[in-house]
């Protein structure tokens, strides 16, 4: 049987934690910071854990991660 290919775009954007959850960076921080509130900017620092529904999709793109 042939090997499955990893989606390289997903490989660069997502990482798996030791417990198998999918970690990603926060969205909405590229531009337009003036119109965002300071509270919103502060809450979007660092990374976040994806929901179970979204993580199921991403795990199909990362078969060997």
Protein backbone atom coordinates (compact mmCIF):
# COMPACT_ATOMS: atom_id res chain seq x y z
CA UNK A 1 0.00 0.00 0.00
CA UNK A 2 1.23 3.47 -0.83
CA UNK A 3 2.20 5.97 1.82
CA UNK A 4 -0.01 8.93 2.70
CA UNK A 5 1.31 12.40 1.98
CA UNK A 6 1.30 15.13 4.59
CA UNK A 7 -0.38 18.41 3.64
CA UNK A 8 2.59 20.75 3.91
CA UNK A 9 0.46 23.84 4.52
CA UNK A 10 -1.10 22.19 7.57
CA UNK A 11 2.28 20.91 8.71
CA UNK A 12 3.61 24.47 8.92
CA UNK A 13 0.55 25.86 10.72
CA UNK A 14 -0.33 23.21 13.29
CA UNK A 15 1.49 21.13 15.91
CA UNK A 16 0.29 18.21 17.99
CA UNK A 17 0.67 18.24 21.77
CA UNK A 18 1.79 15.20 23.76
CA UNK A 19 -1.82 14.37 24.61
CA UNK A 20 -2.84 14.51 20.93
CA UNK A 21 -4.53 17.90 20.84
CA UNK A 22 -3.90 20.28 17.94
CA UNK A 23 -2.14 23.55 18.77
CA UNK A 24 -2.26 26.56 16.46
CA UNK A 25 -1.50 30.26 16.46
CA UNK A 26 -4.24 32.80 17.10
CA UNK A 27 -5.92 34.29 14.07
CA UNK A 28 -6.65 37.94 13.44
CA UNK A 29 -3.27 39.43 14.33
CA UNK A 30 -1.77 40.21 10.91
CA UNK A 31 -3.03 43.73 10.28
CA UNK A 32 -5.74 46.20 11.31
CA UNK A 33 -4.71 46.36 14.97
CA UNK A 34 -5.99 49.93 15.35
CA UNK A 35 -9.61 48.86 15.01
CA UNK A 36 -9.19 46.02 17.54
CA UNK A 37 -9.56 46.63 21.25
CA UNK A 38 -6.54 46.29 23.53
CA UNK A 39 -8.33 43.50 25.35
CA UNK A 40 -8.78 41.58 22.11
CA UNK A 41 -5.11 42.03 21.14
CA UNK A 42 -4.00 40.85 24.58
CA UNK A 43 -6.19 37.74 24.43
CA UNK A 44 -4.81 36.76 21.03
CA UNK A 45 -1.20 36.39 22.18
CA UNK A 46 0.52 33.04 22.00
CA UNK A 47 -1.19 29.91 20.75
CA UNK A 48 -4.49 28.14 21.28
CA UNK A 49 -5.93 24.62 21.22
CA UNK A 50 -8.34 23.83 18.39
CA UNK A 51 -11.83 22.53 19.07
CA UNK A 52 -12.44 18.80 18.64
CA UNK A 53 -14.34 19.28 15.38
CA UNK A 54 -11.55 21.33 13.80
CA UNK A 55 -8.83 19.06 15.20
CA UNK A 56 -10.41 16.06 13.52
CA UNK A 57 -10.05 17.76 10.13
CA UNK A 58 -6.44 18.80 10.75
CA UNK A 59 -5.41 15.32 11.90
CA UNK A 60 -6.46 13.92 8.51
CA UNK A 61 -3.94 16.29 6.92
CA UNK A 62 -1.14 15.12 9.28
CA UNK A 63 -1.23 11.32 9.07
CA UNK A 64 2.20 10.68 10.66
CA UNK A 65 2.37 13.53 13.19
